[in-house]
PDB file of N, CA and C in Angstrom:
ATOM      1  N   MET A   1      93.170 143.630 153.653  1.00  0.00           N
ATOM      2  CA  MET A   1      92.438 144.843 153.517  1.00  0.00           C
ATOM      3  C   MET A   1      91.936 144.924 152.167  1.00  0.00           C
ATOM      4  N   GLN A   2      90.140 145.081 152.204  1.00  0.00           N
ATOM      5  CA  GLN A   2      89.150 144.770 151.230  1.00  0.00           C
ATOM      6  C   GLN A   2      89.703 146.351 150.236  1.00  0.00           C
ATOM      7  N   SER A   3      89.170 145.765 148.960  1.00  0.00           N
ATOM      8  CA  SER A   3      89.493 146.886 148.169  1.00  0.00           C
ATOM      9  C   SER A   3      87.412 147.830 148.204  1.00  0.00           C
ATOM     10  N   SER A   4      87.907 148.953 148.005  1.00  0.00           N
ATOM     11  CA  SER A   4      86.433 149.776 147.957  1.00  0.00           C
ATOM     12  C   SER A   4      85.027 149.276 147.388  1.00  0.00           C
ATOM     13  N   GLU A   5      85.987 148.817 146.267  1.00  0.00           N
ATOM     14  CA  GLU A   5      84.815 148.482 145.519  1.00  0.00           C
ATOM     15  C   GLU A   5      84.358 147.196 145.750  1.00  0.00           C
ATOM     16  N   ALA A   6      84.767 146.859 146.953  1.00  0.00           N
ATOM     17  CA  ALA A   6      83.624 145.192 146.965  1.00  0.00           C
ATOM     18  C   ALA A   6      83.092 145.364 147.919  1.00  0.00           C
ATOM     19  N   ASN A   7      83.104 146.806 148.475  1.00  0.00           N
ATOM     20  CA  ASN A   7      81.748 147.360 149.165  1.00  0.00           C
ATOM     21  C   ASN A   7      80.552 148.059 148.547  1.00  0.00           C
ATOM     22  N   ILE A   8      79.414 147.788 148.920  1.00  0.00           N
ATOM     23  CA  ILE A   8      78.221 148.983 148.977  1.00  0.00           C
ATOM     24  C   ILE A   8      77.743 149.797 150.466  1.00  0.00           C
ATOM     25  N   LYS A   9      77.699 151.068 149.530  1.00  0.00           N
ATOM     26  CA  LYS A   9      77.460 152.256 151.154  1.00  0.00           C
ATOM     27  C   LYS A   9      76.079 152.380 151.061  1.00  0.00           C
ATOM     28  N   VAL A  10      75.264 152.193 152.187  1.00  0.00           N
ATOM     29  CA  VAL A  10      73.613 152.206 152.430  1.00  0.00           C
ATOM     30  C   VAL A  10      73.900 153.451 153.492  1.00  0.00           C
ATOM     31  N   GLN A  11      72.923 154.431 152.987  1.00  0.00           N
ATOM     32  CA  GLN A  11      72.576 154.977 154.405  1.00  0.00           C
ATOM     33  C   GLN A  11      71.631 154.252 155.774  1.00  0.00           C
ATOM     34  N   ILE A  12      71.520 155.105 156.429  1.00  0.00           N
ATOM     35  CA  ILE A  12      70.944 154.277 157.601  1.00  0.00           C
ATOM     36  C   ILE A  12      69.976 155.430 158.317  1.00  0.00           C
ATOM     37  N   LYS A  13      69.049 155.967 158.699  1.00  0.00           N
ATOM     38  CA  LYS A  13      68.263 156.640 159.072  1.00  0.00           C
ATOM     39  C   LYS A  13      67.330 156.199 160.217  1.00  0.00           C
ATOM     40  N   TYR A  14      67.363 157.263 161.158  1.00  0.00           N
ATOM     41  CA  TYR A  14      67.049 156.698 162.060  1.00  0.00           C
ATOM     42  C   TYR A  14      66.204 157.420 162.686  1.00  0.00           C
ATOM     43  N   LEU A  15      64.844 157.183 163.201  1.00  0.00           N
ATOM     44  CA  LEU A  15      64.062 158.456 163.799  1.00  0.00           C
ATOM     45  C   LEU A  15      63.897 157.681 164.573  1.00  0.00           C
ATOM     46  N   VAL A  16      63.012 158.723 165.254  1.00  0.00           N
ATOM     47  CA  VAL A  16      61.759 159.014 166.524  1.00  0.00           C
ATOM     48  C   VAL A  16      62.818 158.754 167.291  1.00  0.00           C
ATOM     49  N   THR A  17      61.770 157.629 168.512  1.00  0.00           N
ATOM     50  CA  THR A  17      62.647 156.725 169.660  1.00  0.00           C
ATOM     51  C   THR A  17      63.559 155.599 169.045  1.00  0.00           C
ATOM     52  N   ILE A  18      63.689 155.512 168.044  1.00  0.00           N
ATOM     53  CA  ILE A  18      64.961 154.545 167.783  1.00  0.00           C
ATOM     54  C   ILE A  18      65.846 155.213 167.603  1.00  0.00           C
ATOM     55  N   ARG A  19      66.359 156.709 167.161  1.00  0.00           N
ATOM     56  CA  ARG A  19      67.309 158.062 166.913  1.00  0.00           C
ATOM     57  C   ARG A  19      67.759 157.704 169.019  1.00  0.00           C
ATOM     58  N   ASP A  20      67.298 157.575 169.314  1.00  0.00           N
ATOM     59  CA  ASP A  20      67.332 157.623 170.449  1.00  0.00           C
ATOM     60  C   ASP A  20      67.886 156.450 171.320  1.00  0.00           C
ATOM     61  N   ARG A  21      67.539 155.260 170.468  1.00  0.00           N
ATOM     62  CA  ARG A  21      67.976 154.189 171.056  1.00  0.00           C
ATOM     63  C   ARG A  21      69.585 153.875 170.653  1.00  0.00           C
ATOM     64  N   THR A  22      70.293 154.978 169.844  1.00  0.00           N
ATOM     65  CA  THR A  22      70.599 154.539 168.994  1.00  0.00           C
ATOM     66  C   THR A  22      71.916 156.039 169.188  1.00  0.00           C
ATOM     67  N   GLY A  23      71.647 157.030 169.118  1.00  0.00           N
ATOM     68  CA  GLY A  23      72.277 157.884 169.550  1.00  0.00           C
ATOM     69  C   GLY A  23      72.968 158.901 168.312  1.00  0.00           C
ATOM     70  N   ARG A  24      72.297 157.855 167.237  1.00  0.00           N
ATOM     71  CA  ARG A  24      72.096 159.095 165.691  1.00  0.00           C
ATOM     72  C   ARG A  24      71.216 158.845 165.229  1.00  0.00           C
ATOM     73  N   ARG A  25      70.955 160.016 164.231  1.00  0.00           N
ATOM     74  CA  ARG A  25      70.428 160.526 162.971  1.00  0.00           C
ATOM     75  C   ARG A  25      70.643 159.297 162.038  1.00  0.00           C
ATOM     76  N   GLN A  26      71.191 159.233 161.434  1.00  0.00           N
ATOM     77  CA  GLN A  26      71.660 158.783 160.176  1.00  0.00           C
ATOM     78  C   GLN A  26      73.192 158.552 160.502  1.00  0.00           C
ATOM     79  N   GLU A  27      74.044 157.592 159.864  1.00  0.00           N
ATOM     80  CA  GLU A  27      74.838 157.257 159.470  1.00  0.00           C
ATOM     81  C   GLU A  27      74.491 155.939 157.600  1.00  0.00           C
ATOM     82  N   GLU A  28      75.946 156.409 157.125  1.00  0.00           N
ATOM     83  CA  GLU A  28      76.783 156.195 156.172  1.00  0.00           C
ATOM     84  C   GLU A  28      77.247 154.272 156.540  1.00  0.00           C
ATOM     85  N   VAL A  29      76.899 153.201 156.445  1.00  0.00           N
ATOM     86  CA  VAL A  29      77.717 151.777 156.459  1.00  0.00           C
ATOM     87  C   VAL A  29      77.810 151.576 155.628  1.00  0.00           C
ATOM     88  N   SER A  30      79.260 150.427 155.109  1.00  0.00           N
ATOM     89  CA  SER A  30      79.241 149.805 154.007  1.00  0.00           C
ATOM     90  C   SER A  30      78.883 148.618 154.578  1.00  0.00           C
ATOM     91  N   PHE A  31      78.721 147.526 153.530  1.00  0.00           N
ATOM     92  CA  PHE A  31      78.499 146.422 153.503  1.00  0.00           C
ATOM     93  C   PHE A  31      79.294 145.792 152.461  1.00  0.00           C
ATOM     94  N   PRO A  32      79.555 144.441 152.911  1.00  0.00           N
ATOM     95  CA  PRO A  32      80.023 143.842 151.005  1.00  0.00           C
ATOM     96  C   PRO A  32      79.416 143.596 150.497  1.00  0.00           C
ATOM     97  N   LEU A  33      79.442 143.674 148.636  1.00  0.00           N
ATOM     98  CA  LEU A  33      78.608 143.666 147.342  1.00  0.00           C
ATOM     99  C   LEU A  33      78.250 142.281 147.814  1.00  0.00           C
ATOM    100  N   GLY A  34      76.874 142.220 147.571  1.00  0.00           N
ATOM    101  CA  GLY A  34      75.954 141.105 147.634  1.00  0.00           C
ATOM    102  C   GLY A  34      75.120 140.573 149.166  1.00  0.00           C
ATOM    103  N   SER A  35      75.369 142.171 149.745  1.00  0.00           N
ATOM    104  CA  SER A  35      74.823 141.575 151.029  1.00  0.00           C
ATOM    105  C   SER A  35      73.225 142.231 151.151  1.00  0.00           C
ATOM    106  N   VAL A  36      72.067 141.118 151.990  1.00  0.00           N
ATOM    107  CA  VAL A  36      71.354 141.458 152.068  1.00  0.00           C
ATOM    108  C   VAL A  36      70.566 141.986 153.386  1.00  0.00           C
ATOM    109  N   LEU A  37      69.265 142.133 153.278  1.00  0.00           N
ATOM    110  CA  LEU A  37      68.674 142.736 154.602  1.00  0.00           C
ATOM    111  C   LEU A  37      68.848 141.536 155.828  1.00  0.00           C
ATOM    112  N   ARG A  38      69.624 140.830 156.384  1.00  0.00           N
ATOM    113  CA  ARG A  38      69.793 140.080 156.944  1.00  0.00           C
ATOM    114  C   ARG A  38      70.759 140.326 157.584  1.00  0.00           C
ATOM    115  N   ASP A  39      71.702 140.582 156.580  1.00  0.00           N
ATOM    116  CA  ASP A  39      73.057 141.300 157.164  1.00  0.00           C
ATOM    117  C   ASP A  39      72.777 142.328 158.101  1.00  0.00           C
ATOM    118  N   VAL A  40      72.113 143.389 157.431  1.00  0.00           N
ATOM    119  CA  VAL A  40      72.283 144.911 157.689  1.00  0.00           C
ATOM    120  C   VAL A  40      71.797 144.678 158.928  1.00  0.00           C
ATOM    121  N   ALA A  41      70.199 143.569 159.100  1.00  0.00           N
ATOM    122  CA  ALA A  41      69.968 143.363 160.995  1.00  0.00           C
ATOM    123  C   ALA A  41      70.905 142.957 162.140  1.00  0.00           C
ATOM    124  N   GLU A  42      71.450 141.417 160.747  1.00  0.00           N
ATOM    125  CA  GLU A  42      72.734 140.845 162.174  1.00  0.00           C
ATOM    126  C   GLU A  42      73.328 142.055 162.730  1.00  0.00           C
ATOM    127  N   TRP A  43      73.856 143.203 161.929  1.00  0.00           N
ATOM    128  CA  TRP A  43      74.596 144.397 161.563  1.00  0.00           C
ATOM    129  C   TRP A  43      74.116 145.311 163.006  1.00  0.00           C
ATOM    130  N   LEU A  44      73.117 145.346 163.008  1.00  0.00           N
ATOM    131  CA  LEU A  44      72.446 146.613 163.700  1.00  0.00           C
ATOM    132  C   LEU A  44      71.684 146.278 164.868  1.00  0.00           C
ATOM    133  N   ASN A  45      71.887 144.896 164.715  1.00  0.00           N
ATOM    134  CA  ASN A  45      71.389 143.789 166.222  1.00  0.00           C
ATOM    135  C   ASN A  45      72.646 143.780 167.135  1.00  0.00           C
ATOM    136  N   LYS A  46      74.152 143.605 166.663  1.00  0.00           N
ATOM    137  CA  LYS A  46      75.875 143.384 167.035  1.00  0.00           C
ATOM    138  C   LYS A  46      75.803 145.360 167.747  1.00  0.00           C
ATOM    139  N   ARG A  47      75.672 146.532 166.802  1.00  0.00           N
ATOM    140  CA  ARG A  47      76.032 147.206 167.149  1.00  0.00           C
ATOM    141  C   ARG A  47      75.094 148.560 168.308  1.00  0.00           C
ATOM    142  N   TYR A  48      74.063 147.887 167.674  1.00  0.00           N
ATOM    143  CA  TYR A  48      72.694 148.582 168.697  1.00  0.00           C
ATOM    144  C   TYR A  48      72.161 148.015 169.276  1.00  0.00           C
ATOM    145  N   ALA A  49      71.936 146.308 169.494  1.00  0.00           N
ATOM    146  CA  ALA A  49      71.134 145.847 170.274  1.00  0.00           C
ATOM    147  C   ALA A  49      69.674 146.111 169.451  1.00  0.00           C
ATOM    148  N   LEU A  50      69.261 146.034 168.223  1.00  0.00           N
ATOM    149  CA  LEU A  50      67.956 146.424 167.978  1.00  0.00           C
ATOM    150  C   LEU A  50      67.851 144.526 166.286  1.00  0.00           C
ATOM    151  N   SER A  51      66.710 144.277 167.625  1.00  0.00           N
ATOM    152  CA  SER A  51      66.393 142.463 166.438  1.00  0.00           C
ATOM    153  C   SER A  51      65.517 142.925 165.880  1.00  0.00           C
ATOM    154  N   LEU A  52      65.927 142.712 164.559  1.00  0.00           N
ATOM    155  CA  LEU A  52      64.808 142.458 163.301  1.00  0.00           C
ATOM    156  C   LEU A  52      64.893 141.365 162.521  1.00  0.00           C
ATOM    157  N   PRO A  53      63.372 140.968 162.190  1.00  0.00           N
ATOM    158  CA  PRO A  53      62.557 141.828 162.172  1.00  0.00           C
ATOM    159  C   PRO A  53      61.329 142.187 163.930  1.00  0.00           C
ATOM    160  N   ASN A  54      61.377 143.049 164.068  1.00  0.00           N
ATOM    161  CA  ASN A  54      60.876 143.138 165.268  1.00  0.00           C
ATOM    162  C   ASN A  54      59.093 144.371 164.899  1.00  0.00           C
ATOM    163  N   ARG A  55      58.046 143.421 165.823  1.00  0.00           N
ATOM    164  CA  ARG A  55      56.968 144.473 166.044  1.00  0.00           C
ATOM    165  C   ARG A  55      56.833 145.906 166.198  1.00  0.00           C
ATOM    166  N   GLU A  56      58.581 146.126 167.288  1.00  0.00           N
ATOM    167  CA  GLU A  56      58.416 147.751 168.003  1.00  0.00           C
ATOM    168  C   GLU A  56      59.357 148.524 167.143  1.00  0.00           C
ATOM    169  N   ILE A  57      60.357 148.321 165.162  1.00  0.00           N
ATOM    170  CA  ILE A  57      60.480 148.752 165.036  1.00  0.00           C
ATOM    171  C   ILE A  57      60.030 148.595 162.953  1.00  0.00           C
ATOM    172  N   MET A  58      59.477 149.951 162.685  1.00  0.00           N
ATOM    173  CA  MET A  58      59.351 149.480 160.853  1.00  0.00           C
ATOM    174  C   MET A  58      60.517 149.630 160.428  1.00  0.00           C
ATOM    175  N   ALA A  59      60.940 148.689 159.848  1.00  0.00           N
ATOM    176  CA  ALA A  59      62.072 148.878 158.716  1.00  0.00           C
ATOM    177  C   ALA A  59      61.894 149.238 157.708  1.00  0.00           C
ATOM    178  N   ILE A  60      62.463 150.125 156.635  1.00  0.00           N
ATOM    179  CA  ILE A  60      61.987 150.974 155.506  1.00  0.00           C
ATOM    180  C   ILE A  60      63.494 150.637 154.611  1.00  0.00           C
ATOM    181  N   LEU A  61      62.563 149.783 153.211  1.00  0.00           N
ATOM    182  CA  LEU A  61      63.971 150.019 152.336  1.00  0.00           C
ATOM    183  C   LEU A  61      63.995 151.043 151.238  1.00  0.00           C
ATOM    184  N   ASN A  62      64.547 151.406 150.828  1.00  0.00           N
ATOM    185  CA  ASN A  62      63.808 152.714 149.748  1.00  0.00           C
ATOM    186  C   ASN A  62      62.253 152.781 149.388  1.00  0.00           C
ATOM    187  N   GLY A  63      61.407 153.210 150.795  1.00  0.00           N
ATOM    188  CA  GLY A  63      60.449 153.816 150.803  1.00  0.00           C
ATOM    189  C   GLY A  63      59.104 152.372 151.146  1.00  0.00           C
ATOM    190  N   ARG A  64      59.735 150.725 151.316  1.00  0.00           N
ATOM    191  CA  ARG A  64      59.153 149.229 151.059  1.00  0.00           C
ATOM    192  C   ARG A  64      59.112 149.101 151.810  1.00  0.00           C
ATOM    193  N   GLY A  65      58.526 148.473 153.316  1.00  0.00           N
ATOM    194  CA  GLY A  65      58.542 147.862 153.913  1.00  0.00           C
ATOM    195  C   GLY A  65      59.370 146.864 153.806  1.00  0.00           C
ATOM    196  N   TRP A  66      60.393 145.966 154.727  1.00  0.00           N
ATOM    197  CA  TRP A  66      61.415 144.554 154.565  1.00  0.00           C
ATOM    198  C   TRP A  66      60.491 143.435 153.809  1.00  0.00           C
ATOM    199  N   ASN A  67      59.256 143.547 155.028  1.00  0.00           N
ATOM    200  CA  ASN A  67      58.147 141.938 154.284  1.00  0.00           C
ATOM    201  C   ASN A  67      57.387 142.409 153.172  1.00  0.00           C
ATOM    202  N   GLN A  68      57.806 143.578 152.402  1.00  0.00           N
ATOM    203  CA  GLN A  68      56.717 143.923 151.425  1.00  0.00           C
ATOM    204  C   GLN A  68      57.712 143.059 150.051  1.00  0.00           C
ATOM    205  N   PHE A  69      58.892 143.750 150.101  1.00  0.00           N
ATOM    206  CA  PHE A  69      60.010 142.703 149.369  1.00  0.00           C
ATOM    207  C   PHE A  69      59.030 141.111 149.273  1.00  0.00           C
ATOM    208  N   PRO A  70      59.914 140.256 147.672  1.00  0.00           N
ATOM    209  CA  PRO A  70      59.205 139.083 147.489  1.00  0.00           C
ATOM    210  C   PRO A  70      60.557 138.401 148.911  1.00  0.00           C
ATOM    211  N   LEU A  71      61.431 138.613 149.198  1.00  0.00           N
ATOM    212  CA  LEU A  71      62.957 137.176 149.359  1.00  0.00           C
ATOM    213  C   LEU A  71      63.158 137.797 150.536  1.00  0.00           C
ATOM    214  N   LYS A  72      62.435 138.975 151.556  1.00  0.00           N
ATOM    215  CA  LYS A  72      61.958 139.045 152.203  1.00  0.00           C
ATOM    216  C   LYS A  72      63.013 139.870 153.047  1.00  0.00           C
ATOM    217  N   LEU A  73      63.710 138.663 153.901  1.00  0.00           N
ATOM    218  CA  LEU A  73      65.833 138.988 154.665  1.00  0.00           C
ATOM    219  C   LEU A  73      66.618 139.192 153.256  1.00  0.00           C
ATOM    220  N   SER A  74      65.705 138.214 152.769  1.00  0.00           N
ATOM    221  CA  SER A  74      67.425 137.496 151.435  1.00  0.00           C
ATOM    222  C   SER A  74      66.846 139.024 150.616  1.00  0.00           C
ATOM    223  N   THR A  75      66.808 139.950 150.667  1.00  0.00           N
ATOM    224  CA  THR A  75      66.497 141.357 149.315  1.00  0.00           C
ATOM    225  C   THR A  75      68.174 141.600 149.214  1.00  0.00           C
ATOM    226  N   GLU A  76      68.699 141.355 147.987  1.00  0.00           N
ATOM    227  CA  GLU A  76      70.041 142.372 147.928  1.00  0.00           C
ATOM    228  C   GLU A  76      70.435 143.361 148.376  1.00  0.00           C
ATOM    229  N   ILE A  77      71.279 144.418 148.984  1.00  0.00           N
ATOM    230  CA  ILE A  77      70.694 145.547 149.407  1.00  0.00           C
ATOM    231  C   ILE A  77      72.062 146.135 148.193  1.00  0.00           C
ATOM    232  N   LYS A  78      71.504 147.668 147.173  1.00  0.00           N
ATOM    233  CA  LYS A  78      72.392 148.559 146.298  1.00  0.00           C
ATOM    234  C   LYS A  78      73.061 149.424 147.050  1.00  0.00           C
ATOM    235  N   GLU A  79      74.120 149.755 146.097  1.00  0.00           N
ATOM    236  CA  GLU A  79      74.788 151.240 146.649  1.00  0.00           C
ATOM    237  C   GLU A  79      73.732 152.459 146.087  1.00  0.00           C
ATOM    238  N   GLY A  80      73.481 153.201 147.503  1.00  0.00           N
ATOM    239  CA  GLY A  80      73.174 154.504 147.865  1.00  0.00           C
ATOM    240  C   GLY A  80      71.965 153.743 148.000  1.00  0.00           C
ATOM    241  N   ASP A  81      71.298 152.492 148.926  1.00  0.00           N
ATOM    242  CA  ASP A  81      70.197 152.375 149.098  1.00  0.00           C
ATOM    243  C   ASP A  81      69.621 153.448 150.671  1.00  0.00           C
ATOM    244  N   THR A  82      68.698 153.440 151.112  1.00  0.00           N
ATOM    245  CA  THR A  82      68.103 153.946 152.181  1.00  0.00           C
ATOM    246  C   THR A  82      67.204 152.991 153.118  1.00  0.00           C
ATOM    247  N   ILE A  83      68.237 152.739 154.533  1.00  0.00           N
ATOM    248  CA  ILE A  83      67.187 152.040 154.914  1.00  0.00           C
ATOM    249  C   ILE A  83      66.264 153.136 156.217  1.00  0.00           C
ATOM    250  N   CYS A  84      65.209 153.514 156.989  1.00  0.00           N
ATOM    251  CA  CYS A  84      64.958 154.024 157.374  1.00  0.00           C
ATOM    252  C   CYS A  84      63.796 152.985 158.312  1.00  0.00           C
ATOM    253  N   LEU A  85      64.677 153.527 159.874  1.00  0.00           N
ATOM    254  CA  LEU A  85      64.333 152.495 160.869  1.00  0.00           C
ATOM    255  C   LEU A  85      63.887 153.486 161.920  1.00  0.00           C
ATOM    256  N   LEU A  86      62.051 153.030 162.229  1.00  0.00           N
ATOM    257  CA  LEU A  86      60.952 154.382 163.465  1.00  0.00           C
ATOM    258  C   LEU A  86      59.809 153.049 163.756  1.00  0.00           C
ATOM    259  N   PRO A  87      59.325 154.060 164.697  1.00  0.00           N
ATOM    260  CA  PRO A  87      58.316 152.659 165.326  1.00  0.00           C
ATOM    261  C   PRO A  87      57.550 152.824 164.516  1.00  0.00           C
ATOM    262  N   PRO A  88      56.578 151.306 165.240  1.00  0.00           N
ATOM    263  CA  PRO A  88      55.275 151.430 164.518  1.00  0.00           C
ATOM    264  C   PRO A  88      54.374 152.948 164.127  1.00  0.00           C
ATOM    265  N   ILE A  89      53.266 153.766 162.953  1.00  0.00           N
ATOM    266  CA  ILE A  89      52.731 153.778 163.467  1.00  0.00           C
ATOM    267  C   ILE A  89      51.057 153.445 163.655  1.00  0.00           C
ATOM    268  N   SER A  90      50.370 154.362 164.583  1.00  0.00           N
ATOM    269  CA  SER A  90      49.633 154.738 164.661  1.00  0.00           C
ATOM    270  C   SER A  90      48.018 155.429 164.987  1.00  0.00           C
ATOM    271  N   GLY A  91      47.382 155.811 164.764  1.00  0.00           N
ATOM    272  CA  GLY A  91      46.012 156.604 164.386  1.00  0.00           C
ATOM    273  C   GLY A  91      44.820 156.226 164.911  1.00  0.00           C
ATOM    274  N   GLY A  92      44.089 157.086 164.812  1.00  0.00           N
ATOM    275  CA  GLY A  92      42.524 157.128 165.215  1.00  0.00           C
ATOM    276  C   GLY A  92      41.347 157.770 164.696  1.00  0.00           C
TER     277      GLY A  92
END
């Protein structure tokens, strides 16, 4: 069994129709130290069949879209990060 020091915890929030797909508003999830956004995407795919990146889901880390980070899916996540998933927003 791994020590809790070897893990980090992040909050994942599911908004609007994504909440309907997961059945949750949010959850705290532990990942091994050194995990990256790709690891989060794989976890979401296994747990909820949410495929990321996806044009139908906006994935945001601490207020910035995943693809706005220079390392994209290789961006390391850190203790206390917040990830929000929501459908794309359009206006008129």
